[in-house]
Amino acid sequence: MKTTIILTYTFTPAWLALPRDERNAMEAAHIHPVFAKYADRVSARFFDAEAFHTAFSDFVLLETEDLKAYYFLIEELRDSPLIAQGYLVVNDIFMGIEDGFQQFEAAQADGEDGQHR
């Protein structure tokens, strides 16, 4: 089942104090490679929100059918300097399954009970 994850985060004042070329270099060295590594299993779309929301500055919309890959991606991000050095704080994570009830109803009609044997 495809899971959609909305991860909200905030860039800290320490990040914003860095020159833009340093920020871009750090992102290219530590963030882009992580997302590229999992791109075949986790899709990502990035959004700026600081002009529209005060609880977080940005969010990413992730989609995957492989929660293990998603989890490993997050672990690698946590090890990156952006998070480890306090440049980025994850605020909240929302997860859901689009039209999951329809998949449930189809499985019920097919006699599936959701248990692995």
PDB file of N, CA and C in Angstrom:
ATOM      1  N   MET A   1       0.848  -1.180   0.000  1.00  0.00           N
ATOM      2  CA  MET A   1       0.000   0.000   0.000  1.00  0.00           C
ATOM      3  C   MET A   1       0.893   1.243   0.000  1.00  0.00           C
ATOM      4  N   LYS A   2       0.526   2.217  -0.815  1.00  0.00           N
ATOM      5  CA  LYS A   2       1.300   3.443  -0.874  1.00  0.00           C
ATOM      6  C   LYS A   2       0.973   4.323   0.326  1.00  0.00           C
ATOM      7  N   THR A   3       2.023   4.751   1.017  1.00  0.00           N
ATOM      8  CA  THR A   3       1.885   5.629   2.173  1.00  0.00           C
ATOM      9  C   THR A   3       2.364   7.023   1.779  1.00  0.00           C
ATOM     10  N   THR A   4       1.610   8.025   2.185  1.00  0.00           N
ATOM     11  CA  THR A   4       1.999   9.410   1.987  1.00  0.00           C
ATOM     12  C   THR A   4       2.399   9.983   3.331  1.00  0.00           C
ATOM     13  N   ILE A   5       3.539  10.664   3.351  1.00  0.00           N
ATOM     14  CA  ILE A   5       4.063  11.255   4.578  1.00  0.00           C
ATOM     15  C   ILE A   5       4.280  12.742   4.335  1.00  0.00           C
ATOM     16  N   ILE A   6       3.775  13.552   5.243  1.00  0.00           N
ATOM     17  CA  ILE A   6       4.072  14.985   5.226  1.00  0.00           C
ATOM     18  C   ILE A   6       4.949  15.244   6.428  1.00  0.00           C
ATOM     19  N   LEU A   7       6.156  15.692   6.164  1.00  0.00           N
ATOM     20  CA  LEU A   7       7.128  15.967   7.214  1.00  0.00           C
ATOM     21  C   LEU A   7       7.348  17.478   7.239  1.00  0.00           C
ATOM     22  N   THR A   8       6.981  18.112   8.355  1.00  0.00           N
ATOM     23  CA  THR A   8       7.184  19.558   8.477  1.00  0.00           C
ATOM     24  C   THR A   8       8.474  19.810   9.231  1.00  0.00           C
ATOM     25  N   TYR A   9       9.170  20.864   8.835  1.00  0.00           N
ATOM     26  CA  TYR A   9      10.446  21.177   9.470  1.00  0.00           C
ATOM     27  C   TYR A   9      10.706  22.676   9.421  1.00  0.00           C
ATOM     28  N   THR A  10      11.655  23.091  10.256  1.00  0.00           N
ATOM     29  CA  THR A  10      12.018  24.493  10.352  1.00  0.00           C
ATOM     30  C   THR A  10      13.527  24.628  10.264  1.00  0.00           C
ATOM     31  N   PHE A  11      13.973  25.524   9.408  1.00  0.00           N
ATOM     32  CA  PHE A  11      15.385  25.889   9.384  1.00  0.00           C
ATOM     33  C   PHE A  11      15.635  26.878  10.507  1.00  0.00           C
ATOM     34  N   THR A  12      16.684  26.646  11.281  1.00  0.00           N
ATOM     35  CA  THR A  12      16.981  27.457  12.459  1.00  0.00           C
ATOM     36  C   THR A  12      17.709  28.750  12.065  1.00  0.00           C
ATOM     37  N   PRO A  13      17.764  29.729  12.983  1.00  0.00           N
ATOM     38  CA  PRO A  13      18.523  30.951  12.711  1.00  0.00           C
ATOM     39  C   PRO A  13      19.995  30.677  12.379  1.00  0.00           C
ATOM     40  N   ALA A  14      20.580  29.622  12.941  1.00  0.00           N
ATOM     41  CA  ALA A  14      21.971  29.280  12.619  1.00  0.00           C
ATOM     42  C   ALA A  14      22.124  28.951  11.131  1.00  0.00           C
ATOM     43  N   TRP A  15      21.147  28.261  10.582  1.00  0.00           N
ATOM     44  CA  TRP A  15      21.160  27.939   9.153  1.00  0.00           C
ATOM     45  C   TRP A  15      21.001  29.208   8.326  1.00  0.00           C
ATOM     46  N   LEU A  16      20.053  30.017   8.703  1.00  0.00           N
ATOM     47  CA  LEU A  16      19.781  31.239   7.942  1.00  0.00           C
ATOM     48  C   LEU A  16      20.950  32.217   7.999  1.00  0.00           C
ATOM     49  N   ALA A  17      21.774  32.127   9.033  1.00  0.00           N
ATOM     50  CA  ALA A  17      22.941  33.006   9.162  1.00  0.00           C
ATOM     51  C   ALA A  17      24.081  32.597   8.228  1.00  0.00           C
ATOM     52  N   LEU A  18      24.058  31.360   7.738  1.00  0.00           N
ATOM     53  CA  LEU A  18      25.096  30.914   6.811  1.00  0.00           C
ATOM     54  C   LEU A  18      24.907  31.588   5.458  1.00  0.00           C
ATOM     55  N   PRO A  19      25.994  31.900   4.768  1.00  0.00           N
ATOM     56  CA  PRO A  19      25.857  32.420   3.400  1.00  0.00           C
ATOM     57  C   PRO A  19      25.146  31.393   2.519  1.00  0.00           C
ATOM     58  N   ARG A  20      24.396  31.875   1.560  1.00  0.00           N
ATOM     59  CA  ARG A  20      23.620  30.973   0.693  1.00  0.00           C
ATOM     60  C   ARG A  20      24.502  29.951  -0.025  1.00  0.00           C
ATOM     61  N   ASP A  21      25.703  30.335  -0.428  1.00  0.00           N
ATOM     62  CA  ASP A  21      26.560  29.370  -1.113  1.00  0.00           C
ATOM     63  C   ASP A  21      26.965  28.229  -0.181  1.00  0.00           C
ATOM     64  N   GLU A  22      27.166  28.505   1.114  1.00  0.00           N
ATOM     65  CA  GLU A  22      27.463  27.437   2.080  1.00  0.00           C
ATOM     66  C   GLU A  22      26.255  26.536   2.282  1.00  0.00           C
ATOM     67  N   ARG A  23      25.078  27.139   2.373  1.00  0.00           N
ATOM     68  CA  ARG A  23      23.857  26.340   2.523  1.00  0.00           C
ATOM     69  C   ARG A  23      23.675  25.423   1.322  1.00  0.00           C
ATOM     70  N   ASN A  24      23.843  25.980   0.129  1.00  0.00           N
ATOM     71  CA  ASN A  24      23.674  25.181  -1.089  1.00  0.00           C
ATOM     72  C   ASN A  24      24.697  24.061  -1.157  1.00  0.00           C
ATOM     73  N   ALA A  25      25.940  24.342  -0.760  1.00  0.00           N
ATOM     74  CA  ALA A  25      26.984  23.313  -0.775  1.00  0.00           C
ATOM     75  C   ALA A  25      26.676  22.206   0.226  1.00  0.00           C
ATOM     76  N   MET A  26      26.204  22.570   1.414  1.00  0.00           N
ATOM     77  CA  MET A  26      25.882  21.567   2.428  1.00  0.00           C
ATOM     78  C   MET A  26      24.703  20.704   1.969  1.00  0.00           C
ATOM     79  N   GLU A  27      23.725  21.336   1.380  1.00  0.00           N
ATOM     80  CA  GLU A  27      22.566  20.596   0.878  1.00  0.00           C
ATOM     81  C   GLU A  27      22.994  19.635  -0.238  1.00  0.00           C
ATOM     82  N   ALA A  28      23.857  20.110  -1.135  1.00  0.00           N
ATOM     83  CA  ALA A  28      24.331  19.266  -2.244  1.00  0.00           C
ATOM     84  C   ALA A  28      25.177  18.102  -1.737  1.00  0.00           C
ATOM     85  N   ALA A  29      25.935  18.322  -0.686  1.00  0.00           N
ATOM     86  CA  ALA A  29      26.828  17.280  -0.172  1.00  0.00           C
ATOM     87  C   ALA A  29      26.133  16.280   0.730  1.00  0.00           C
ATOM     88  N   HIS A  30      25.118  16.729   1.482  1.00  0.00           N
ATOM     89  CA  HIS A  30      24.564  15.869   2.536  1.00  0.00           C
ATOM     90  C   HIS A  30      23.087  15.505   2.385  1.00  0.00           C
ATOM     91  N   ILE A  31      22.339  16.280   1.638  1.00  0.00           N
ATOM     92  CA  ILE A  31      20.900  16.018   1.540  1.00  0.00           C
ATOM     93  C   ILE A  31      20.538  15.389   0.198  1.00  0.00           C
ATOM     94  N   HIS A  32      20.973  16.003  -0.881  1.00  0.00           N
ATOM     95  CA  HIS A  32      20.642  15.460  -2.209  1.00  0.00           C
ATOM     96  C   HIS A  32      21.073  14.005  -2.371  1.00  0.00           C
ATOM     97  N   PRO A  33      22.267  13.627  -1.918  1.00  0.00           N
ATOM     98  CA  PRO A  33      22.666  12.216  -2.070  1.00  0.00           C
ATOM     99  C   PRO A  33      21.768  11.242  -1.302  1.00  0.00           C
ATOM    100  N   VAL A  34      21.268  11.651  -0.156  1.00  0.00           N
ATOM    101  CA  VAL A  34      20.383  10.768   0.618  1.00  0.00           C
ATOM    102  C   VAL A  34      19.088  10.540  -0.144  1.00  0.00           C
ATOM    103  N   PHE A  35      18.485  11.619  -0.631  1.00  0.00           N
ATOM    104  CA  PHE A  35      17.235  11.462  -1.373  1.00  0.00           C
ATOM    105  C   PHE A  35      17.466  10.701  -2.679  1.00  0.00           C
ATOM    106  N   ALA A  36      18.610  10.920  -3.322  1.00  0.00           N
ATOM    107  CA  ALA A  36      18.921  10.192  -4.555  1.00  0.00           C
ATOM    108  C   ALA A  36      19.063   8.690  -4.284  1.00  0.00           C
ATOM    109  N   LYS A  37      19.662   8.355  -3.156  1.00  0.00           N
ATOM    110  CA  LYS A  37      19.867   6.948  -2.789  1.00  0.00           C
ATOM    111  C   LYS A  37      18.544   6.193  -2.688  1.00  0.00           C
ATOM    112  N   TYR A  38      17.499   6.862  -2.220  1.00  0.00           N
ATOM    113  CA  TYR A  38      16.208   6.207  -2.001  1.00  0.00           C
ATOM    114  C   TYR A  38      15.159   6.585  -3.055  1.00  0.00           C
ATOM    115  N   ALA A  39      15.557   7.315  -4.086  1.00  0.00           N
ATOM    116  CA  ALA A  39      14.601   7.837  -5.068  1.00  0.00           C
ATOM    117  C   ALA A  39      13.803   6.754  -5.779  1.00  0.00           C
ATOM    118  N   ASP A  40      14.364   5.553  -5.879  1.00  0.00           N
ATOM    119  CA  ASP A  40      13.627   4.473  -6.535  1.00  0.00           C
ATOM    120  C   ASP A  40      12.523   3.897  -5.652  1.00  0.00           C
ATOM    121  N   ARG A  41      12.530   4.262  -4.345  1.00  0.00           N
ATOM    122  CA  ARG A  41      11.529   3.726  -3.417  1.00  0.00           C
ATOM    123  C   ARG A  41      10.751   4.786  -2.662  1.00  0.00           C
ATOM    124  N   VAL A  42      11.293   6.009  -2.606  1.00  0.00           N
ATOM    125  CA  VAL A  42      10.631   7.097  -1.882  1.00  0.00           C
ATOM    126  C   VAL A  42      10.661   8.342  -2.766  1.00  0.00           C
ATOM    127  N   SER A  43       9.488   8.816  -3.182  1.00  0.00           N
ATOM    128  CA  SER A  43       9.446  10.056  -3.962  1.00  0.00           C
ATOM    129  C   SER A  43       9.314  11.229  -3.003  1.00  0.00           C
ATOM    130  N   ALA A  44       9.873  12.367  -3.404  1.00  0.00           N
ATOM    131  CA  ALA A  44       9.884  13.543  -2.527  1.00  0.00           C
ATOM    132  C   ALA A  44       9.577  14.799  -3.328  1.00  0.00           C
ATOM    133  N   ARG A  45       8.708  15.635  -2.740  1.00  0.00           N
ATOM    134  CA  ARG A  45       8.409  16.963  -3.283  1.00  0.00           C
ATOM    135  C   ARG A  45       8.555  17.946  -2.133  1.00  0.00           C
ATOM    136  N   PHE A  46       9.295  19.021  -2.361  1.00  0.00           N
ATOM    137  CA  PHE A  46       9.631  19.978  -1.309  1.00  0.00           C
ATOM    138  C   PHE A  46       8.842  21.273  -1.486  1.00  0.00           C
ATOM    139  N   PHE A  47       8.399  21.831  -0.347  1.00  0.00           N
ATOM    140  CA  PHE A  47       7.574  23.032  -0.357  1.00  0.00           C
ATOM    141  C   PHE A  47       8.084  24.042   0.666  1.00  0.00           C
ATOM    142  N   ASP A  48       8.072  25.315   0.292  1.00  0.00           N
ATOM    143  CA  ASP A  48       8.371  26.407   1.217  1.00  0.00           C
ATOM    144  C   ASP A  48       7.062  26.862   1.843  1.00  0.00           C
ATOM    145  N   ALA A  49       7.082  27.125   3.131  1.00  0.00           N
ATOM    146  CA  ALA A  49       5.849  27.516   3.819  1.00  0.00           C
ATOM    147  C   ALA A  49       6.025  28.731   4.719  1.00  0.00           C
ATOM    148  N   GLU A  50       7.254  29.246   4.844  1.00  0.00           N
ATOM    149  CA  GLU A  50       7.500  30.300   5.831  1.00  0.00           C
ATOM    150  C   GLU A  50       6.657  31.549   5.616  1.00  0.00           C
ATOM    151  N   ALA A  51       6.233  31.816   4.404  1.00  0.00           N
ATOM    152  CA  ALA A  51       5.403  32.994   4.150  1.00  0.00           C
ATOM    153  C   ALA A  51       3.923  32.732   4.441  1.00  0.00           C
ATOM    154  N   PHE A  52       3.581  31.485   4.734  1.00  0.00           N
ATOM    155  CA  PHE A  52       2.181  31.117   4.896  1.00  0.00           C
ATOM    156  C   PHE A  52       1.853  30.457   6.226  1.00  0.00           C
ATOM    157  N   HIS A  53       2.886  30.078   6.982  1.00  0.00           N
ATOM    158  CA  HIS A  53       2.653  29.326   8.210  1.00  0.00           C
ATOM    159  C   HIS A  53       3.713  29.697   9.231  1.00  0.00           C
ATOM    160  N   THR A  54       3.339  29.768  10.501  1.00  0.00           N
ATOM    161  CA  THR A  54       4.307  30.138  11.537  1.00  0.00           C
ATOM    162  C   THR A  54       4.828  28.947  12.337  1.00  0.00           C
ATOM    163  N   ALA A  55       4.201  27.792  12.208  1.00  0.00           N
ATOM    164  CA  ALA A  55       4.619  26.633  12.998  1.00  0.00           C
ATOM    165  C   ALA A  55       5.811  25.903  12.382  1.00  0.00           C
ATOM    166  N   PHE A  56       6.072  26.098  11.094  1.00  0.00           N
ATOM    167  CA  PHE A  56       7.194  25.472  10.405  1.00  0.00           C
ATOM    168  C   PHE A  56       7.529  26.311   9.180  1.00  0.00           C
ATOM    169  N   SER A  57       8.750  26.149   8.692  1.00  0.00           N
ATOM    170  CA  SER A  57       9.160  26.950   7.537  1.00  0.00           C
ATOM    171  C   SER A  57       9.014  26.207   6.212  1.00  0.00           C
ATOM    172  N   ASP A  58       9.049  24.881   6.262  1.00  0.00           N
ATOM    173  CA  ASP A  58       9.033  24.082   5.046  1.00  0.00           C
ATOM    174  C   ASP A  58       8.357  22.743   5.319  1.00  0.00           C
ATOM    175  N   PHE A  59       8.007  22.050   4.239  1.00  0.00           N
ATOM    176  CA  PHE A  59       7.547  20.674   4.397  1.00  0.00           C
ATOM    177  C   PHE A  59       7.905  19.883   3.151  1.00  0.00           C
ATOM    178  N   VAL A  60       7.989  18.588   3.338  1.00  0.00           N
ATOM    179  CA  VAL A  60       8.249  17.677   2.233  1.00  0.00           C
ATOM    180  C   VAL A  60       7.108  16.664   2.182  1.00  0.00           C
ATOM    181  N   LEU A  61       6.665  16.375   0.977  1.00  0.00           N
ATOM    182  CA  LEU A  61       5.630  15.372   0.743  1.00  0.00           C
ATOM    183  C   LEU A  61       6.338  14.139   0.199  1.00  0.00           C
ATOM    184  N   LEU A  62       6.294  13.067   0.947  1.00  0.00           N
ATOM    185  CA  LEU A  62       6.955  11.823   0.578  1.00  0.00           C
ATOM    186  C   LEU A  62       5.903  10.771   0.257  1.00  0.00           C
ATOM    187  N   GLU A  63       6.195   9.920  -0.710  1.00  0.00           N
ATOM    188  CA  GLU A  63       5.314   8.799  -1.011  1.00  0.00           C
ATOM    189  C   GLU A  63       6.159   7.546  -1.169  1.00  0.00           C
ATOM    190  N   THR A  64       5.666   6.456  -0.597  1.00  0.00           N
ATOM    191  CA  THR A  64       6.412   5.201  -0.671  1.00  0.00           C
ATOM    192  C   THR A  64       5.490   4.014  -0.435  1.00  0.00           C
ATOM    193  N   GLU A  65       5.901   2.892  -0.959  1.00  0.00           N
ATOM    194  CA  GLU A  65       5.282   1.611  -0.611  1.00  0.00           C
ATOM    195  C   GLU A  65       6.247   0.800   0.231  1.00  0.00           C
ATOM    196  N   ASP A  66       7.392   1.394   0.564  1.00  0.00           N
ATOM    197  CA  ASP A  66       8.453   0.714   1.289  1.00  0.00           C
ATOM    198  C   ASP A  66       8.795   1.517   2.548  1.00  0.00           C
ATOM    199  N   LEU A  67       8.102   1.230   3.651  1.00  0.00           N
ATOM    200  CA  LEU A  67       8.323   1.992   4.880  1.00  0.00           C
ATOM    201  C   LEU A  67       9.723   1.795   5.437  1.00  0.00           C
ATOM    202  N   LYS A  68      10.336   0.659   5.144  1.00  0.00           N
ATOM    203  CA  LYS A  68      11.723   0.443   5.576  1.00  0.00           C
ATOM    204  C   LYS A  68      12.642   1.459   4.883  1.00  0.00           C
ATOM    205  N   ALA A  69      12.476   1.662   3.592  1.00  0.00           N
ATOM    206  CA  ALA A  69      13.285   2.644   2.859  1.00  0.00           C
ATOM    207  C   ALA A  69      13.038   4.043   3.410  1.00  0.00           C
ATOM    208  N   TYR A  70      11.782   4.381   3.686  1.00  0.00           N
ATOM    209  CA  TYR A  70      11.462   5.683   4.284  1.00  0.00           C
ATOM    210  C   TYR A  70      12.174   5.838   5.623  1.00  0.00           C
ATOM    211  N   TYR A  71      12.098   4.818   6.465  1.00  0.00           N
ATOM    212  CA  TYR A  71      12.722   4.890   7.777  1.00  0.00           C
ATOM    213  C   TYR A  71      14.235   5.068   7.661  1.00  0.00           C
ATOM    214  N   PHE A  72      14.855   4.317   6.772  1.00  0.00           N
ATOM    215  CA  PHE A  72      16.307   4.426   6.583  1.00  0.00           C
ATOM    216  C   PHE A  72      16.680   5.805   6.045  1.00  0.00           C
ATOM    217  N   LEU A  73      15.875   6.358   5.137  1.00  0.00           N
ATOM    218  CA  LEU A  73      16.106   7.710   4.634  1.00  0.00           C
ATOM    219  C   LEU A  73      16.109   8.708   5.788  1.00  0.00           C
ATOM    220  N   ILE A  74      15.133   8.598   6.669  1.00  0.00           N
ATOM    221  CA  ILE A  74      15.039   9.515   7.815  1.00  0.00           C
ATOM    222  C   ILE A  74      16.238   9.343   8.736  1.00  0.00           C
ATOM    223  N   GLU A  75      16.662   8.120   8.972  1.00  0.00           N
ATOM    224  CA  GLU A  75      17.843   7.892   9.818  1.00  0.00           C
ATOM    225  C   GLU A  75      19.084   8.551   9.213  1.00  0.00           C
ATOM    226  N   GLU A  76      19.244   8.426   7.901  1.00  0.00           N
ATOM    227  CA  GLU A  76      20.401   9.063   7.261  1.00  0.00           C
ATOM    228  C   GLU A  76      20.308  10.588   7.349  1.00  0.00           C
ATOM    229  N   LEU A  77      19.119  11.130   7.204  1.00  0.00           N
ATOM    230  CA  LEU A  77      18.962  12.578   7.354  1.00  0.00           C
ATOM    231  C   LEU A  77      19.308  13.021   8.776  1.00  0.00           C
ATOM    232  N   ARG A  78      18.900  12.227   9.761  1.00  0.00           N
ATOM    233  CA  ARG A  78      19.196  12.570  11.162  1.00  0.00           C
ATOM    234  C   ARG A  78      20.701  12.581  11.421  1.00  0.00           C
ATOM    235  N   ASP A  79      21.441  11.756  10.702  1.00  0.00           N
ATOM    236  CA  ASP A  79      22.892  11.718  10.841  1.00  0.00           C
ATOM    237  C   ASP A  79      23.587  12.839  10.072  1.00  0.00           C
ATOM    238  N   SER A  80      22.869  13.521   9.199  1.00  0.00           N
ATOM    239  CA  SER A  80      23.470  14.579   8.385  1.00  0.00           C
ATOM    240  C   SER A  80      23.749  15.816   9.240  1.00  0.00           C
ATOM    241  N   PRO A  81      24.699  16.641   8.817  1.00  0.00           N
ATOM    242  CA  PRO A  81      24.992  17.870   9.574  1.00  0.00           C
ATOM    243  C   PRO A  81      23.788  18.804   9.710  1.00  0.00           C
ATOM    244  N   LEU A  82      22.875  18.786   8.749  1.00  0.00           N
ATOM    245  CA  LEU A  82      21.722  19.685   8.859  1.00  0.00           C
ATOM    246  C   LEU A  82      20.948  19.447  10.140  1.00  0.00           C
ATOM    247  N   ILE A  83      20.719  18.196  10.468  1.00  0.00           N
ATOM    248  CA  ILE A  83      19.974  17.889  11.691  1.00  0.00           C
ATOM    249  C   ILE A  83      20.924  17.727  12.873  1.00  0.00           C
ATOM    250  N   ALA A  84      22.011  16.997  12.681  1.00  0.00           N
ATOM    251  CA  ALA A  84      22.933  16.716  13.784  1.00  0.00           C
ATOM    252  C   ALA A  84      23.552  17.987  14.369  1.00  0.00           C
ATOM    253  N   GLN A  85      23.736  19.005  13.533  1.00  0.00           N
ATOM    254  CA  GLN A  85      24.336  20.244  14.019  1.00  0.00           C
ATOM    255  C   GLN A  85      23.302  21.321  14.297  1.00  0.00           C
ATOM    256  N   GLY A  86      22.031  20.956  14.258  1.00  0.00           N
ATOM    257  CA  GLY A  86      20.971  21.871  14.672  1.00  0.00           C
ATOM    258  C   GLY A  86      20.556  22.928  13.669  1.00  0.00           C
ATOM    259  N   TYR A  87      20.811  22.681  12.384  1.00  0.00           N
ATOM    260  CA  TYR A  87      20.386  23.637  11.368  1.00  0.00           C
ATOM    261  C   TYR A  87      18.920  23.447  10.968  1.00  0.00           C
ATOM    262  N   LEU A  88      18.406  22.257  11.206  1.00  0.00           N
ATOM    263  CA  LEU A  88      17.042  21.928  10.810  1.00  0.00           C
ATOM    264  C   LEU A  88      16.391  21.132  11.928  1.00  0.00           C
ATOM    265  N   VAL A  89      15.156  21.499  12.244  1.00  0.00           N
ATOM    266  CA  VAL A  89      14.390  20.805  13.280  1.00  0.00           C
ATOM    267  C   VAL A  89      13.128  20.239  12.638  1.00  0.00           C
ATOM    268  N   VAL A  90      12.915  18.947  12.805  1.00  0.00           N
ATOM    269  CA  VAL A  90      11.673  18.329  12.326  1.00  0.00           C
ATOM    270  C   VAL A  90      10.583  18.680  13.325  1.00  0.00           C
ATOM    271  N   ASN A  91       9.481  19.228  12.813  1.00  0.00           N
ATOM    272  CA  ASN A  91       8.379  19.652  13.682  1.00  0.00           C
ATOM    273  C   ASN A  91       7.325  18.577  13.864  1.00  0.00           C
ATOM    274  N   ASP A  92       6.907  17.980  12.758  1.00  0.00           N
ATOM    275  CA  ASP A  92       5.816  17.014  12.844  1.00  0.00           C
ATOM    276  C   ASP A  92       5.850  16.104  11.634  1.00  0.00           C
ATOM    277  N   ILE A  93       5.260  14.935  11.791  1.00  0.00           N
ATOM    278  CA  ILE A  93       5.160  13.968  10.707  1.00  0.00           C
ATOM    279  C   ILE A  93       3.721  13.470  10.667  1.00  0.00           C
ATOM    280  N   PHE A  94       3.111  13.571   9.488  1.00  0.00           N
ATOM    281  CA  PHE A  94       1.754  13.071   9.268  1.00  0.00           C
ATOM    282  C   PHE A  94       1.848  11.954   8.236  1.00  0.00           C
ATOM    283  N   MET A  95       1.183  10.846   8.517  1.00  0.00           N
ATOM    284  CA  MET A  95       1.205   9.724   7.588  1.00  0.00           C
ATOM    285  C   MET A  95      -0.221   9.287   7.298  1.00  0.00           C
ATOM    286  N   GLY A  96      -0.428   8.837   6.080  1.00  0.00           N
ATOM    287  CA  GLY A  96      -1.738   8.327   5.721  1.00  0.00           C
ATOM    288  C   GLY A  96      -1.663   7.475   4.475  1.00  0.00           C
ATOM    289  N   ILE A  97      -2.734   6.753   4.235  1.00  0.00           N
ATOM    290  CA  ILE A  97      -2.857   5.909   3.060  1.00  0.00           C
ATOM    291  C   ILE A  97      -4.028   6.449   2.257  1.00  0.00           C
ATOM    292  N   GLU A  98      -3.731   6.901   1.039  1.00  0.00           N
ATOM    293  CA  GLU A  98      -4.769   7.480   0.199  1.00  0.00           C
ATOM    294  C   GLU A  98      -5.833   6.440  -0.119  1.00  0.00           C
ATOM    295  N   ASP A  99      -7.078   6.773   0.187  1.00  0.00           N
ATOM    296  CA  ASP A  99      -8.216   5.882  -0.062  1.00  0.00           C
ATOM    297  C   ASP A  99      -7.989   4.473   0.481  1.00  0.00           C
ATOM    298  N   GLY A 100      -7.364   4.391   1.658  1.00  0.00           N
ATOM    299  CA  GLY A 100      -7.099   3.098   2.279  1.00  0.00           C
ATOM    300  C   GLY A 100      -8.354   2.277   2.494  1.00  0.00           C
ATOM    301  N   PHE A 101      -9.453   2.953   2.774  1.00  0.00           N
ATOM    302  CA  PHE A 101     -10.703   2.225   3.005  1.00  0.00           C
ATOM    303  C   PHE A 101     -11.128   1.457   1.759  1.00  0.00           C
ATOM    304  N   GLN A 102     -10.841   2.009   0.577  1.00  0.00           N
ATOM    305  CA  GLN A 102     -11.212   1.310  -0.654  1.00  0.00           C
ATOM    306  C   GLN A 102     -10.389   0.031  -0.809  1.00  0.00           C
ATOM    307  N   GLN A 103      -9.117   0.095  -0.456  1.00  0.00           N
ATOM    308  CA  GLN A 103      -8.274  -1.095  -0.500  1.00  0.00           C
ATOM    309  C   GLN A 103      -8.766  -2.127   0.513  1.00  0.00           C
ATOM    310  N   PHE A 104      -9.157  -1.657   1.688  1.00  0.00           N
ATOM    311  CA  PHE A 104      -9.698  -2.551   2.711  1.00  0.00           C
ATOM    312  C   PHE A 104     -10.963  -3.237   2.207  1.00  0.00           C
ATOM    313  N   GLU A 105     -11.882  -2.455   1.642  1.00  0.00           N
ATOM    314  CA  GLU A 105     -13.141  -3.027   1.159  1.00  0.00           C
ATOM    315  C   GLU A 105     -12.904  -4.026   0.030  1.00  0.00           C
ATOM    316  N   ALA A 106     -11.948  -3.724  -0.870  1.00  0.00           N
ATOM    317  CA  ALA A 106     -11.639  -4.649  -1.959  1.00  0.00           C
ATOM    318  C   ALA A 106     -11.055  -5.945  -1.402  1.00  0.00           C
ATOM    319  N   ALA A 107     -10.205  -5.837  -0.399  1.00  0.00           N
ATOM    320  CA  ALA A 107      -9.615  -7.034   0.223  1.00  0.00           C
ATOM    321  C   ALA A 107     -10.694  -7.855   0.917  1.00  0.00           C
ATOM    322  N   GLN A 108     -11.618  -7.178   1.585  1.00  0.00           N
ATOM    323  CA  GLN A 108     -12.707  -7.890   2.251  1.00  0.00           C
ATOM    324  C   GLN A 108     -13.567  -8.632   1.238  1.00  0.00           C
ATOM    325  N   ALA A 109     -13.825  -7.999   0.097  1.00  0.00           N
ATOM    326  CA  ALA A 109     -14.628  -8.636  -0.945  1.00  0.00           C
ATOM    327  C   ALA A 109     -13.917  -9.862  -1.514  1.00  0.00           C
ATOM    328  N   ASP A 110     -12.577  -9.825  -1.510  1.00  0.00           N
ATOM    329  CA  ASP A 110     -11.788 -10.956  -2.017  1.00  0.00           C
ATOM    330  C   ASP A 110     -11.546 -12.006  -0.944  1.00  0.00           C
ATOM    331  N   GLY A 111     -12.059 -11.755   0.270  1.00  0.00           N
ATOM    332  CA  GLY A 111     -11.890 -12.709   1.356  1.00  0.00           C
ATOM    333  C   GLY A 111     -10.559 -12.606   2.086  1.00  0.00           C
ATOM    334  N   GLU A 112      -9.805 -11.543   1.844  1.00  0.00           N
ATOM    335  CA  GLU A 112      -8.532 -11.351   2.537  1.00  0.00           C
ATOM    336  C   GLU A 112      -8.807 -10.799   3.934  1.00  0.00           C
ATOM    337  N   ASP A 113      -8.025 -11.270   4.920  1.00  0.00           N
ATOM    338  CA  ASP A 113      -8.197 -10.767   6.269  1.00  0.00           C
ATOM    339  C   ASP A 113      -7.028  -9.914   6.732  1.00  0.00           C
ATOM    340  N   GLY A 114      -6.016  -9.708   5.865  1.00  0.00           N
ATOM    341  CA  GLY A 114      -4.893  -8.858   6.225  1.00  0.00           C
ATOM    342  C   GLY A 114      -3.813  -9.542   7.036  1.00  0.00           C
ATOM    343  N   GLN A 115      -3.996 -10.801   7.407  1.00  0.00           N
ATOM    344  CA  GLN A 115      -2.992 -11.498   8.207  1.00  0.00           C
ATOM    345  C   GLN A 115      -2.058 -12.288   7.315  1.00  0.00           C
ATOM    346  N   HIS A 116      -0.777 -12.239   7.666  1.00  0.00           N
ATOM    347  CA  HIS A 116       0.204 -13.042   6.953  1.00  0.00           C
ATOM    348  C   HIS A 116       0.254 -14.422   7.588  1.00  0.00           C
ATOM    349  N   ARG A 117       0.413 -15.403   6.789  1.00  0.00           N
ATOM    350  CA  ARG A 117       0.467 -16.764   7.296  1.00  0.00           C
ATOM    351  C   ARG A 117       1.813 -17.371   6.985  1.00  0.00           C
TER     352      ARG A 117
END
